[in-house]
Amino acid sequence: MSRSRRTQALLQFGLFAGILVFANILANTFYGHFDLTEEKRFTLTKPTKALLRDIKDRVYVRVLLDGDFPAGFKRLQTATKEMLDDFRSESGFIDYQFENPSLGTVEEVNERRKSLADDGIMPFNLRVADLGESSQQLIYPVAVFHYNGRQMVVKLLENNSPSLTPDEVINNSVTLLEYKFANVIKKLRSANRSAILFTRDHGELNEL
């Protein structure tokens, strides 16, 4: 190869590498993805976008679905992360973290499970078949939303039904993520303490 052709090839390679680096920087700076489905099922709806853009305080989400799972639950795990990333792309007040409640010593895990049970969060018994052997694993397919000192729990997994296959249950669960997340944020923002009013001068009891 002549010197000029070698130089031209190196320049083309350098330009291509530069474009890849630049594209990667843009992807990390401006998260987003294109929705090519006809029904736009991977695009946030206008009401959800309006809700998120109106948030003025931090919404922190603890997702208790971290760890290694079979393909179906792995898809639910990935879809949950992508949905929260979509929410965060509309509001800088959205923050989240994935946790594995089964990590730690036996004492730590048992204490954590007791604390979750006190909050009404119960585990799901996942049966895993591998090379002809079956095992069970307690997992928590839930997300806990925190806002202004209040918290609400969202079940990520829809209830099993004898008429549905495991894949259909996962599909339904993924489809409902946006509605569930938007709904719980709306409830947390609208939750106000009850006010007690007193009337006077008509023989009513006083404040005491």
N, C-alpha and C. Protein backbone atom coordinates (compact mmCIF):
# COMPACT_ATOMS: atom_id res chain seq x y z
N MET A 1 0.86 -1.20 0.00
CA MET A 1 0.00 0.00 0.00
C MET A 1 0.89 1.24 0.00
N SER A 2 0.56 2.19 -0.84
CA SER A 2 1.36 3.40 -0.94
C SER A 2 1.20 4.25 0.32
N ARG A 3 2.16 5.17 0.52
CA ARG A 3 2.14 6.03 1.69
C ARG A 3 0.88 6.89 1.76
N SER A 4 0.44 7.40 0.59
CA SER A 4 -0.75 8.26 0.56
C SER A 4 -2.01 7.48 0.91
N ARG A 5 -2.09 6.23 0.40
CA ARG A 5 -3.28 5.42 0.71
C ARG A 5 -3.29 5.04 2.18
N ARG A 6 -2.10 4.73 2.73
CA ARG A 6 -2.03 4.39 4.15
C ARG A 6 -2.44 5.58 5.00
N THR A 7 -2.01 6.75 4.62
CA THR A 7 -2.38 7.96 5.37
C THR A 7 -3.87 8.22 5.29
N GLN A 8 -4.44 8.01 4.08
CA GLN A 8 -5.88 8.21 3.90
C GLN A 8 -6.68 7.21 4.73
N ALA A 9 -6.21 5.96 4.76
CA ALA A 9 -6.90 4.93 5.55
C ALA A 9 -6.87 5.26 7.03
N LEU A 10 -5.71 5.75 7.50
CA LEU A 10 -5.60 6.11 8.92
C LEU A 10 -6.50 7.29 9.26
N LEU A 11 -6.59 8.26 8.33
CA LEU A 11 -7.47 9.40 8.56
C LEU A 11 -8.93 8.96 8.63
N GLN A 12 -9.33 8.05 7.72
CA GLN A 12 -10.71 7.55 7.72
C GLN A 12 -11.02 6.80 9.01
N PHE A 13 -10.05 5.97 9.45
CA PHE A 13 -10.26 5.23 10.69
C PHE A 13 -10.37 6.19 11.88
N GLY A 14 -9.50 7.21 11.91
CA GLY A 14 -9.56 8.18 12.99
C GLY A 14 -10.87 8.95 13.01
N LEU A 15 -11.36 9.30 11.82
CA LEU A 15 -12.64 10.01 11.72
C LEU A 15 -13.78 9.13 12.22
N PHE A 16 -13.77 7.85 11.83
CA PHE A 16 -14.81 6.91 12.24
C PHE A 16 -14.78 6.73 13.76
N ALA A 17 -13.56 6.57 14.32
CA ALA A 17 -13.44 6.40 15.77
C ALA A 17 -13.93 7.65 16.49
N GLY A 18 -13.61 8.82 15.94
CA GLY A 18 -14.07 10.07 16.55
C GLY A 18 -15.57 10.18 16.56
N ILE A 19 -16.20 9.77 15.47
CA ILE A 19 -17.67 9.81 15.40
C ILE A 19 -18.28 8.89 16.45
N LEU A 20 -17.70 7.68 16.62
CA LEU A 20 -18.21 6.74 17.62
C LEU A 20 -18.08 7.31 19.03
N VAL A 21 -16.93 7.93 19.34
CA VAL A 21 -16.74 8.52 20.66
C VAL A 21 -17.74 9.65 20.90
N PHE A 22 -17.92 10.50 19.89
CA PHE A 22 -18.85 11.62 20.00
C PHE A 22 -20.28 11.14 20.20
N ALA A 23 -20.67 10.10 19.45
CA ALA A 23 -22.02 9.54 19.58
C ALA A 23 -22.23 8.95 20.96
N ASN A 24 -21.19 8.30 21.50
CA ASN A 24 -21.30 7.72 22.84
C ASN A 24 -21.46 8.79 23.90
N ILE A 25 -20.71 9.91 23.73
CA ILE A 25 -20.85 11.02 24.68
C ILE A 25 -22.26 11.60 24.64
N LEU A 26 -22.79 11.76 23.44
CA LEU A 26 -24.15 12.28 23.31
C LEU A 26 -25.16 11.34 23.94
N ALA A 27 -24.96 10.04 23.74
CA ALA A 27 -25.91 9.05 24.27
C ALA A 27 -25.92 9.09 25.79
N ASN A 28 -24.72 9.28 26.40
CA ASN A 28 -24.66 9.32 27.86
C ASN A 28 -25.18 10.64 28.42
N THR A 29 -25.03 11.71 27.63
CA THR A 29 -25.46 13.03 28.10
C THR A 29 -26.95 13.22 27.93
N PHE A 30 -27.47 12.82 26.79
CA PHE A 30 -28.90 12.99 26.51
C PHE A 30 -29.50 11.61 26.32
N TYR A 31 -30.03 11.05 27.42
CA TYR A 31 -30.64 9.73 27.32
C TYR A 31 -31.91 9.80 26.49
N GLY A 32 -32.14 8.76 25.74
CA GLY A 32 -33.38 8.68 24.96
C GLY A 32 -33.32 7.53 24.01
N HIS A 33 -34.45 7.16 23.45
CA HIS A 33 -34.46 6.14 22.43
C HIS A 33 -35.62 6.40 21.49
N PHE A 34 -35.47 5.88 20.30
CA PHE A 34 -36.52 6.06 19.30
C PHE A 34 -37.55 4.95 19.44
N ASP A 35 -38.80 5.32 19.37
CA ASP A 35 -39.89 4.36 19.43
C ASP A 35 -40.41 4.13 18.02
N LEU A 36 -40.13 2.95 17.49
CA LEU A 36 -40.52 2.65 16.12
C LEU A 36 -41.77 1.79 16.05
N THR A 37 -42.40 1.50 17.20
CA THR A 37 -43.63 0.71 17.18
C THR A 37 -44.79 1.58 16.75
N GLU A 38 -45.76 0.99 16.03
CA GLU A 38 -46.90 1.76 15.51
C GLU A 38 -47.74 2.35 16.64
N GLU A 39 -47.93 1.55 17.72
CA GLU A 39 -48.79 2.04 18.80
C GLU A 39 -48.04 2.89 19.81
N LYS A 40 -46.74 3.14 19.57
CA LYS A 40 -45.93 3.98 20.46
C LYS A 40 -45.99 3.49 21.90
N ARG A 41 -45.88 2.17 22.09
CA ARG A 41 -46.01 1.65 23.44
C ARG A 41 -44.76 1.92 24.28
N PHE A 42 -43.67 2.35 23.65
CA PHE A 42 -42.47 2.67 24.40
C PHE A 42 -42.25 4.18 24.51
N THR A 43 -43.30 4.95 24.28
CA THR A 43 -43.22 6.40 24.39
C THR A 43 -44.14 6.85 25.51
N LEU A 44 -43.63 7.72 26.40
CA LEU A 44 -44.46 8.21 27.49
C LEU A 44 -45.63 9.01 26.94
N THR A 45 -46.79 8.85 27.57
CA THR A 45 -47.97 9.57 27.14
C THR A 45 -47.87 11.04 27.55
N LYS A 46 -48.67 11.89 26.91
CA LYS A 46 -48.64 13.32 27.21
C LYS A 46 -49.02 13.61 28.67
N PRO A 47 -50.06 12.96 29.24
CA PRO A 47 -50.36 13.23 30.65
C PRO A 47 -49.20 12.88 31.58
N THR A 48 -48.49 11.79 31.29
CA THR A 48 -47.35 11.42 32.12
C THR A 48 -46.24 12.46 32.01
N LYS A 49 -45.97 12.92 30.79
CA LYS A 49 -44.94 13.95 30.60
C LYS A 49 -45.31 15.23 31.34
N ALA A 50 -46.58 15.62 31.27
CA ALA A 50 -47.02 16.83 31.96
C ALA A 50 -46.88 16.68 33.46
N LEU A 51 -47.21 15.50 33.98
CA LEU A 51 -47.08 15.23 35.42
C LEU A 51 -45.62 15.34 35.85
N LEU A 52 -44.73 14.74 35.08
CA LEU A 52 -43.31 14.73 35.45
C LEU A 52 -42.70 16.12 35.37
N ARG A 53 -43.09 16.90 34.38
CA ARG A 53 -42.52 18.24 34.22
C ARG A 53 -43.02 19.20 35.30
N ASP A 54 -44.07 18.80 36.00
CA ASP A 54 -44.63 19.65 37.06
C ASP A 54 -44.05 19.32 38.43
N ILE A 55 -43.22 18.28 38.51
CA ILE A 55 -42.62 17.89 39.79
C ILE A 55 -41.61 18.93 40.22
N LYS A 56 -41.68 19.33 41.49
CA LYS A 56 -40.77 20.35 42.01
C LYS A 56 -39.93 19.84 43.18
N ASP A 57 -40.15 18.61 43.60
CA ASP A 57 -39.39 18.01 44.69
C ASP A 57 -38.89 16.63 44.28
N ARG A 58 -37.90 16.15 44.99
CA ARG A 58 -37.24 14.89 44.64
C ARG A 58 -38.17 13.70 44.86
N VAL A 59 -38.20 12.82 43.87
CA VAL A 59 -38.88 11.53 43.97
C VAL A 59 -37.81 10.45 43.94
N TYR A 60 -37.67 9.72 45.04
CA TYR A 60 -36.65 8.68 45.14
C TYR A 60 -37.32 7.31 45.09
N VAL A 61 -36.80 6.43 44.25
CA VAL A 61 -37.40 5.11 44.03
C VAL A 61 -36.40 4.02 44.40
N ARG A 62 -36.80 3.16 45.31
CA ARG A 62 -36.00 1.97 45.65
C ARG A 62 -36.63 0.78 44.93
N VAL A 63 -35.89 0.22 43.99
CA VAL A 63 -36.36 -0.95 43.26
C VAL A 63 -35.70 -2.18 43.87
N LEU A 64 -36.49 -3.08 44.42
CA LEU A 64 -35.95 -4.24 45.14
C LEU A 64 -35.79 -5.45 44.23
N LEU A 65 -35.56 -5.19 42.95
CA LEU A 65 -35.48 -6.28 41.97
C LEU A 65 -34.08 -6.32 41.35
N ASP A 66 -33.07 -6.42 42.21
CA ASP A 66 -31.71 -6.53 41.71
C ASP A 66 -31.22 -7.96 41.92
N GLY A 67 -30.35 -8.43 41.03
CA GLY A 67 -29.83 -9.78 41.13
C GLY A 67 -29.93 -10.52 39.81
N ASP A 68 -29.58 -11.79 39.83
CA ASP A 68 -29.65 -12.63 38.63
C ASP A 68 -30.96 -13.39 38.61
N PHE A 69 -31.70 -13.26 37.52
CA PHE A 69 -33.01 -13.89 37.39
C PHE A 69 -33.13 -14.61 36.06
N PRO A 70 -34.14 -15.47 35.94
CA PRO A 70 -34.44 -16.06 34.63
C PRO A 70 -34.84 -14.98 33.63
N ALA A 71 -34.93 -15.36 32.36
CA ALA A 71 -35.13 -14.38 31.28
C ALA A 71 -36.34 -13.48 31.50
N GLY A 72 -37.47 -14.06 31.95
CA GLY A 72 -38.69 -13.28 32.12
C GLY A 72 -38.52 -12.17 33.13
N PHE A 73 -38.01 -12.49 34.31
CA PHE A 73 -37.82 -11.47 35.34
C PHE A 73 -36.69 -10.53 34.99
N LYS A 74 -35.73 -11.02 34.23
CA LYS A 74 -34.67 -10.12 33.77
C LYS A 74 -35.25 -9.06 32.84
N ARG A 75 -36.23 -9.46 32.03
CA ARG A 75 -36.89 -8.50 31.13
C ARG A 75 -37.69 -7.48 31.93
N LEU A 76 -38.35 -7.91 32.99
CA LEU A 76 -39.09 -7.00 33.85
C LEU A 76 -38.13 -6.04 34.55
N GLN A 77 -37.00 -6.55 34.98
CA GLN A 77 -35.98 -5.73 35.62
C GLN A 77 -35.46 -4.65 34.66
N THR A 78 -35.14 -5.08 33.42
CA THR A 78 -34.64 -4.14 32.42
C THR A 78 -35.69 -3.11 32.05
N ALA A 79 -36.94 -3.55 31.87
CA ALA A 79 -38.03 -2.64 31.51
C ALA A 79 -38.27 -1.61 32.60
N THR A 80 -38.14 -2.02 33.86
CA THR A 80 -38.32 -1.09 34.98
C THR A 80 -37.24 -0.01 34.95
N LYS A 81 -36.01 -0.42 34.72
CA LYS A 81 -34.91 0.56 34.65
C LYS A 81 -35.12 1.52 33.48
N GLU A 82 -35.51 0.99 32.32
CA GLU A 82 -35.71 1.84 31.15
C GLU A 82 -36.87 2.82 31.37
N MET A 83 -37.93 2.36 32.05
CA MET A 83 -39.06 3.25 32.33
C MET A 83 -38.64 4.37 33.27
N LEU A 84 -37.87 4.04 34.29
CA LEU A 84 -37.40 5.07 35.22
C LEU A 84 -36.44 6.04 34.52
N ASP A 85 -35.65 5.53 33.59
CA ASP A 85 -34.79 6.42 32.80
C ASP A 85 -35.63 7.35 31.94
N ASP A 86 -36.72 6.82 31.36
CA ASP A 86 -37.64 7.66 30.59
C ASP A 86 -38.25 8.75 31.48
N PHE A 87 -38.64 8.38 32.70
CA PHE A 87 -39.19 9.36 33.63
C PHE A 87 -38.14 10.41 33.97
N ARG A 88 -36.93 9.97 34.19
CA ARG A 88 -35.86 10.90 34.56
C ARG A 88 -35.49 11.82 33.41
N SER A 89 -35.69 11.36 32.17
CA SER A 89 -35.41 12.23 31.03
C SER A 89 -36.39 13.39 30.95
N GLU A 90 -37.57 13.25 31.59
CA GLU A 90 -38.57 14.32 31.61
C GLU A 90 -38.47 15.17 32.87
N SER A 91 -37.88 14.64 33.93
CA SER A 91 -37.79 15.38 35.19
C SER A 91 -36.46 15.06 35.87
N GLY A 92 -35.72 16.10 36.19
CA GLY A 92 -34.47 15.92 36.90
C GLY A 92 -34.65 15.58 38.37
N PHE A 93 -35.90 15.54 38.84
CA PHE A 93 -36.17 15.23 40.24
C PHE A 93 -36.36 13.73 40.47
N ILE A 94 -36.32 12.92 39.42
CA ILE A 94 -36.48 11.48 39.57
C ILE A 94 -35.12 10.85 39.84
N ASP A 95 -35.03 10.07 40.90
CA ASP A 95 -33.80 9.36 41.23
C ASP A 95 -34.16 7.95 41.67
N TYR A 96 -33.32 6.98 41.34
CA TYR A 96 -33.66 5.60 41.71
C TYR A 96 -32.41 4.79 42.00
N GLN A 97 -32.63 3.67 42.67
CA GLN A 97 -31.55 2.74 42.98
C GLN A 97 -32.12 1.33 43.04
N PHE A 98 -31.40 0.38 42.46
CA PHE A 98 -31.79 -1.03 42.53
C PHE A 98 -31.10 -1.68 43.73
N GLU A 99 -31.84 -2.49 44.46
CA GLU A 99 -31.31 -3.16 45.64
C GLU A 99 -31.67 -4.64 45.60
N ASN A 100 -30.81 -5.45 46.21
CA ASN A 100 -31.06 -6.88 46.34
C ASN A 100 -31.26 -7.19 47.82
N PRO A 101 -32.51 -7.40 48.27
CA PRO A 101 -32.77 -7.65 49.68
C PRO A 101 -32.17 -8.96 50.19
N SER A 102 -31.69 -9.81 49.30
CA SER A 102 -31.16 -11.11 49.72
C SER A 102 -29.65 -11.11 49.89
N LEU A 103 -29.02 -9.95 49.77
CA LEU A 103 -27.57 -9.86 49.97
C LEU A 103 -27.25 -9.68 51.45
N GLY A 104 -26.13 -10.26 51.88
CA GLY A 104 -25.69 -10.10 53.26
C GLY A 104 -25.71 -11.40 54.03
N THR A 105 -25.46 -11.31 55.31
CA THR A 105 -25.48 -12.49 56.16
C THR A 105 -26.92 -12.95 56.39
N VAL A 106 -27.07 -14.12 56.94
CA VAL A 106 -28.41 -14.65 57.23
C VAL A 106 -29.16 -13.71 58.16
N GLU A 107 -28.44 -13.20 59.18
CA GLU A 107 -29.07 -12.29 60.13
C GLU A 107 -29.51 -11.00 59.45
N GLU A 108 -28.66 -10.46 58.57
CA GLU A 108 -29.00 -9.22 57.87
C GLU A 108 -30.19 -9.42 56.93
N VAL A 109 -30.21 -10.54 56.23
CA VAL A 109 -31.31 -10.82 55.30
C VAL A 109 -32.62 -10.98 56.07
N ASN A 110 -32.58 -11.73 57.16
CA ASN A 110 -33.79 -11.95 57.95
C ASN A 110 -34.31 -10.64 58.54
N GLU A 111 -33.40 -9.80 59.02
CA GLU A 111 -33.80 -8.50 59.58
C GLU A 111 -34.41 -7.62 58.49
N ARG A 112 -33.82 -7.66 57.30
CA ARG A 112 -34.33 -6.86 56.19
C ARG A 112 -35.71 -7.35 55.78
N ARG A 113 -35.89 -8.66 55.71
CA ARG A 113 -37.20 -9.21 55.33
C ARG A 113 -38.25 -8.88 56.37
N LYS A 114 -37.86 -8.88 57.65
CA LYS A 114 -38.82 -8.51 58.70
C LYS A 114 -39.22 -7.05 58.56
N SER A 115 -38.24 -6.18 58.27
CA SER A 115 -38.54 -4.76 58.09
C SER A 115 -39.47 -4.54 56.89
N LEU A 116 -39.22 -5.26 55.81
CA LEU A 116 -40.08 -5.14 54.63
C LEU A 116 -41.49 -5.66 54.94
N ALA A 117 -41.57 -6.76 55.67
CA ALA A 117 -42.89 -7.31 56.03
C ALA A 117 -43.66 -6.34 56.90
N ASP A 118 -42.96 -5.62 57.79
CA ASP A 118 -43.63 -4.62 58.64
C ASP A 118 -44.23 -3.51 57.78
N ASP A 119 -43.63 -3.26 56.61
CA ASP A 119 -44.17 -2.26 55.68
C ASP A 119 -45.17 -2.86 54.70
N GLY A 120 -45.55 -4.12 54.92
CA GLY A 120 -46.52 -4.77 54.04
C GLY A 120 -45.93 -5.28 52.74
N ILE A 121 -44.61 -5.40 52.67
CA ILE A 121 -43.94 -5.86 51.44
C ILE A 121 -43.55 -7.32 51.62
N MET A 122 -44.21 -8.19 50.90
CA MET A 122 -43.98 -9.62 51.01
C MET A 122 -43.26 -10.14 49.78
N PRO A 123 -42.42 -11.18 49.95
CA PRO A 123 -41.65 -11.70 48.81
C PRO A 123 -42.48 -12.59 47.89
N PHE A 124 -41.96 -12.77 46.69
CA PHE A 124 -42.55 -13.69 45.71
C PHE A 124 -41.65 -14.90 45.61
N ASN A 125 -42.26 -16.09 45.70
CA ASN A 125 -41.49 -17.34 45.66
C ASN A 125 -41.27 -17.75 44.20
N LEU A 126 -40.06 -17.51 43.72
CA LEU A 126 -39.72 -17.80 42.33
C LEU A 126 -39.11 -19.19 42.23
N ARG A 127 -39.71 -20.04 41.41
CA ARG A 127 -39.18 -21.38 41.18
C ARG A 127 -38.31 -21.37 39.94
N VAL A 128 -37.09 -21.86 40.10
CA VAL A 128 -36.13 -21.86 39.00
C VAL A 128 -35.72 -23.30 38.69
N ALA A 129 -35.83 -23.67 37.42
CA ALA A 129 -35.42 -24.99 36.96
C ALA A 129 -34.12 -24.86 36.17
N ASP A 130 -33.11 -25.62 36.58
CA ASP A 130 -31.81 -25.55 35.91
C ASP A 130 -31.22 -26.95 35.81
N LEU A 131 -31.01 -27.42 34.57
CA LEU A 131 -30.42 -28.74 34.32
C LEU A 131 -31.18 -29.85 35.04
N GLY A 132 -32.49 -29.76 34.97
CA GLY A 132 -33.32 -30.80 35.56
C GLY A 132 -33.54 -30.66 37.05
N GLU A 133 -32.89 -29.70 37.68
CA GLU A 133 -33.05 -29.49 39.11
C GLU A 133 -33.86 -28.22 39.36
N SER A 134 -34.72 -28.29 40.36
CA SER A 134 -35.60 -27.16 40.68
C SER A 134 -35.19 -26.54 42.01
N SER A 135 -35.20 -25.21 42.05
CA SER A 135 -34.88 -24.50 43.29
C SER A 135 -35.85 -23.35 43.46
N GLN A 136 -35.89 -22.80 44.65
CA GLN A 136 -36.77 -21.69 44.96
C GLN A 136 -35.96 -20.49 45.42
N GLN A 137 -36.46 -19.32 45.07
CA GLN A 137 -35.77 -18.08 45.39
C GLN A 137 -36.80 -17.03 45.78
N LEU A 138 -36.62 -16.41 46.94
CA LEU A 138 -37.52 -15.35 47.38
C LEU A 138 -37.05 -14.03 46.80
N ILE A 139 -37.91 -13.39 46.01
CA ILE A 139 -37.56 -12.11 45.40
C ILE A 139 -38.65 -11.09 45.72
N TYR A 140 -38.30 -9.82 45.50
CA TYR A 140 -39.23 -8.72 45.78
C TYR A 140 -39.43 -7.88 44.52
N PRO A 141 -40.38 -8.26 43.66
CA PRO A 141 -40.65 -7.46 42.45
C PRO A 141 -41.49 -6.24 42.77
N VAL A 142 -40.92 -5.32 43.54
CA VAL A 142 -41.64 -4.11 43.95
C VAL A 142 -40.71 -2.90 43.83
N ALA A 143 -41.31 -1.73 43.74
CA ALA A 143 -40.59 -0.46 43.77
C ALA A 143 -41.24 0.40 44.84
N VAL A 144 -40.42 1.00 45.69
CA VAL A 144 -40.92 1.84 46.78
C VAL A 144 -40.63 3.29 46.42
N PHE A 145 -41.69 4.08 46.24
CA PHE A 145 -41.56 5.50 45.88
C PHE A 145 -41.57 6.35 47.14
N HIS A 146 -40.60 7.26 47.27
CA HIS A 146 -40.49 8.16 48.41
C HIS A 146 -40.65 9.60 47.91
N TYR A 147 -41.49 10.36 48.61
CA TYR A 147 -41.72 11.76 48.22
C TYR A 147 -42.19 12.55 49.42
N ASN A 148 -41.43 13.58 49.78
CA ASN A 148 -41.80 14.48 50.87
C ASN A 148 -42.15 13.73 52.16
N GLY A 149 -41.32 12.77 52.53
CA GLY A 149 -41.53 12.04 53.77
C GLY A 149 -42.59 10.96 53.71
N ARG A 150 -43.20 10.77 52.56
CA ARG A 150 -44.20 9.72 52.40
C ARG A 150 -43.67 8.66 51.44
N GLN A 151 -44.22 7.46 51.53
CA GLN A 151 -43.81 6.40 50.63
C GLN A 151 -45.00 5.54 50.24
N MET A 152 -44.93 4.99 49.03
CA MET A 152 -45.95 4.07 48.54
C MET A 152 -45.25 2.96 47.76
N VAL A 153 -45.83 1.78 47.83
CA VAL A 153 -45.24 0.59 47.21
C VAL A 153 -45.98 0.28 45.91
N VAL A 154 -45.20 -0.02 44.87
CA VAL A 154 -45.76 -0.42 43.58
C VAL A 154 -45.35 -1.86 43.29
N LYS A 155 -46.33 -2.70 43.04
CA LYS A 155 -46.04 -4.08 42.64
C LYS A 155 -45.69 -4.09 41.16
N LEU A 156 -44.48 -4.54 40.84
CA LEU A 156 -44.04 -4.59 39.45
C LEU A 156 -44.62 -5.79 38.71
N LEU A 157 -44.92 -6.85 39.45
CA LEU A 157 -45.41 -8.08 38.84
C LEU A 157 -46.92 -8.19 39.00
N GLU A 158 -47.60 -8.37 37.88
CA GLU A 158 -49.05 -8.57 37.93
C GLU A 158 -49.37 -9.93 38.54
N ASN A 159 -50.57 -10.07 39.07
CA ASN A 159 -50.97 -11.32 39.69
C ASN A 159 -51.02 -12.45 38.65
N ASN A 160 -50.53 -13.60 39.08
CA ASN A 160 -50.58 -14.76 38.19
C ASN A 160 -52.03 -15.21 38.00
N SER A 161 -52.31 -15.71 36.82
CA SER A 161 -53.64 -16.23 36.51
C SER A 161 -53.49 -17.57 35.80
N PRO A 162 -54.31 -18.55 36.18
CA PRO A 162 -54.21 -19.87 35.52
C PRO A 162 -54.41 -19.78 34.02
N SER A 163 -55.11 -18.76 33.54
CA SER A 163 -55.39 -18.65 32.11
C SER A 163 -54.25 -17.98 31.35
N LEU A 164 -53.21 -17.48 32.06
CA LEU A 164 -52.11 -16.78 31.41
C LEU A 164 -50.81 -17.56 31.56
N THR A 165 -50.00 -17.51 30.54
CA THR A 165 -48.68 -18.11 30.61
C THR A 165 -47.74 -17.16 31.36
N PRO A 166 -46.60 -17.65 31.87
CA PRO A 166 -45.65 -16.76 32.54
C PRO A 166 -45.20 -15.60 31.66
N ASP A 167 -45.02 -15.85 30.36
CA ASP A 167 -44.62 -14.76 29.45
C ASP A 167 -45.71 -13.71 29.34
N GLU A 168 -46.98 -14.13 29.33
CA GLU A 168 -48.08 -13.17 29.25
C GLU A 168 -48.17 -12.33 30.52
N VAL A 169 -47.88 -12.95 31.67
CA VAL A 169 -47.88 -12.20 32.93
C VAL A 169 -46.79 -11.13 32.91
N ILE A 170 -45.61 -11.51 32.43
CA ILE A 170 -44.50 -10.55 32.33
C ILE A 170 -44.86 -9.43 31.35
N ASN A 171 -45.43 -9.80 30.21
CA ASN A 171 -45.82 -8.79 29.20
C ASN A 171 -46.81 -7.79 29.80
N ASN A 172 -47.82 -8.29 30.50
CA ASN A 172 -48.80 -7.40 31.14
C ASN A 172 -48.13 -6.50 32.17
N SER A 173 -47.18 -7.06 32.91
CA SER A 173 -46.49 -6.29 33.95
C SER A 173 -45.68 -5.16 33.33
N VAL A 174 -44.98 -5.46 32.24
CA VAL A 174 -44.17 -4.44 31.57
C VAL A 174 -45.07 -3.34 30.98
N THR A 175 -46.19 -3.74 30.41
CA THR A 175 -47.10 -2.78 29.78
C THR A 175 -47.66 -1.78 30.79
N LEU A 176 -47.87 -2.21 32.03
CA LEU A 176 -48.51 -1.36 33.03
C LEU A 176 -47.54 -0.51 33.84
N LEU A 177 -46.25 -0.60 33.56
CA LEU A 177 -45.28 0.13 34.37
C LEU A 177 -45.51 1.64 34.35
N GLU A 178 -45.70 2.21 33.17
CA GLU A 178 -45.88 3.66 33.09
C GLU A 178 -47.09 4.10 33.90
N TYR A 179 -48.22 3.41 33.73
CA TYR A 179 -49.44 3.79 34.45
C TYR A 179 -49.22 3.70 35.96
N LYS A 180 -48.59 2.62 36.41
CA LYS A 180 -48.39 2.44 37.85
C LYS A 180 -47.47 3.51 38.43
N PHE A 181 -46.38 3.80 37.74
CA PHE A 181 -45.44 4.79 38.24
C PHE A 181 -46.04 6.19 38.26
N ALA A 182 -46.72 6.55 37.18
CA ALA A 182 -47.34 7.87 37.12
C ALA A 182 -48.44 7.99 38.16
N ASN A 183 -49.20 6.94 38.36
CA ASN A 183 -50.31 6.96 39.30
C ASN A 183 -49.81 7.14 40.73
N VAL A 184 -48.73 6.44 41.09
CA VAL A 184 -48.24 6.55 42.47
C VAL A 184 -47.62 7.93 42.71
N ILE A 185 -46.96 8.51 41.71
CA ILE A 185 -46.42 9.86 41.87
C ILE A 185 -47.55 10.86 42.06
N LYS A 186 -48.60 10.69 41.28
CA LYS A 186 -49.76 11.58 41.40
C LYS A 186 -50.38 11.48 42.78
N LYS A 187 -50.50 10.26 43.31
CA LYS A 187 -51.09 10.07 44.64
C LYS A 187 -50.21 10.68 45.73
N LEU A 188 -48.90 10.48 45.61
CA LEU A 188 -47.99 11.03 46.62
C LEU A 188 -48.01 12.55 46.63
N ARG A 189 -48.12 13.14 45.46
CA ARG A 189 -48.12 14.61 45.38
C ARG A 189 -49.43 15.20 45.88
N SER A 190 -50.52 14.47 45.72
CA SER A 190 -51.83 15.00 46.12
C SER A 190 -52.19 14.66 47.55
N ALA A 191 -51.35 13.83 48.19
CA ALA A 191 -51.66 13.42 49.57
C ALA A 191 -51.38 14.57 50.51
N ASN A 192 -52.41 15.02 51.20
CA ASN A 192 -52.29 16.11 52.17
C ASN A 192 -52.82 15.66 53.52
N ARG A 193 -52.30 16.27 54.56
CA ARG A 193 -52.82 15.96 55.88
C ARG A 193 -54.24 16.48 56.03
N SER A 194 -55.04 15.71 56.73
CA SER A 194 -56.42 16.12 56.95
C SER A 194 -56.47 17.33 57.88
N ALA A 195 -57.36 18.24 57.57
CA ALA A 195 -57.53 19.43 58.40
C ALA A 195 -58.81 19.29 59.22
N ILE A 196 -58.75 19.72 60.48
CA ILE A 196 -59.91 19.69 61.37
C ILE A 196 -60.35 21.12 61.61
N LEU A 197 -61.59 21.42 61.29
CA LEU A 197 -62.11 22.78 61.43
C LEU A 197 -63.05 22.84 62.63
N PHE A 198 -63.03 23.99 63.29
CA PHE A 198 -63.91 24.21 64.44
C PHE A 198 -64.79 25.42 64.18
N THR A 199 -66.06 25.29 64.51
CA THR A 199 -66.95 26.44 64.47
C THR A 199 -67.16 26.94 65.89
N ARG A 200 -67.50 28.22 66.01
CA ARG A 200 -67.63 28.84 67.33
C ARG A 200 -69.02 29.48 67.51
N ASP A 201 -69.33 29.72 68.77
CA ASP A 201 -70.50 30.53 69.15
C ASP A 201 -71.82 29.87 68.81
N HIS A 202 -71.82 28.56 68.64
CA HIS A 202 -73.09 27.86 68.41
C HIS A 202 -73.24 26.70 69.36
N GLY A 203 -72.54 26.77 70.49
CA GLY A 203 -72.66 25.72 71.49
C GLY A 203 -71.80 24.51 71.22
N GLU A 204 -70.84 24.60 70.25
CA GLU A 204 -70.00 23.45 69.94
C GLU A 204 -68.90 23.29 70.99
N LEU A 205 -68.24 22.13 70.98
CA LEU A 205 -67.10 21.92 71.84
C LEU A 205 -65.96 22.83 71.42
N ASN A 206 -65.15 23.25 72.40
CA ASN A 206 -63.98 24.06 72.06
C ASN A 206 -62.84 23.16 71.58
N GLU A 207 -61.69 23.79 71.21
CA GLU A 207 -60.56 23.03 70.67
C GLU A 207 -60.06 21.98 71.65
N LEU A 208 -60.01 22.31 72.95
CA LEU A 208 -59.52 21.38 73.95
C LEU A 208 -60.41 20.15 74.04
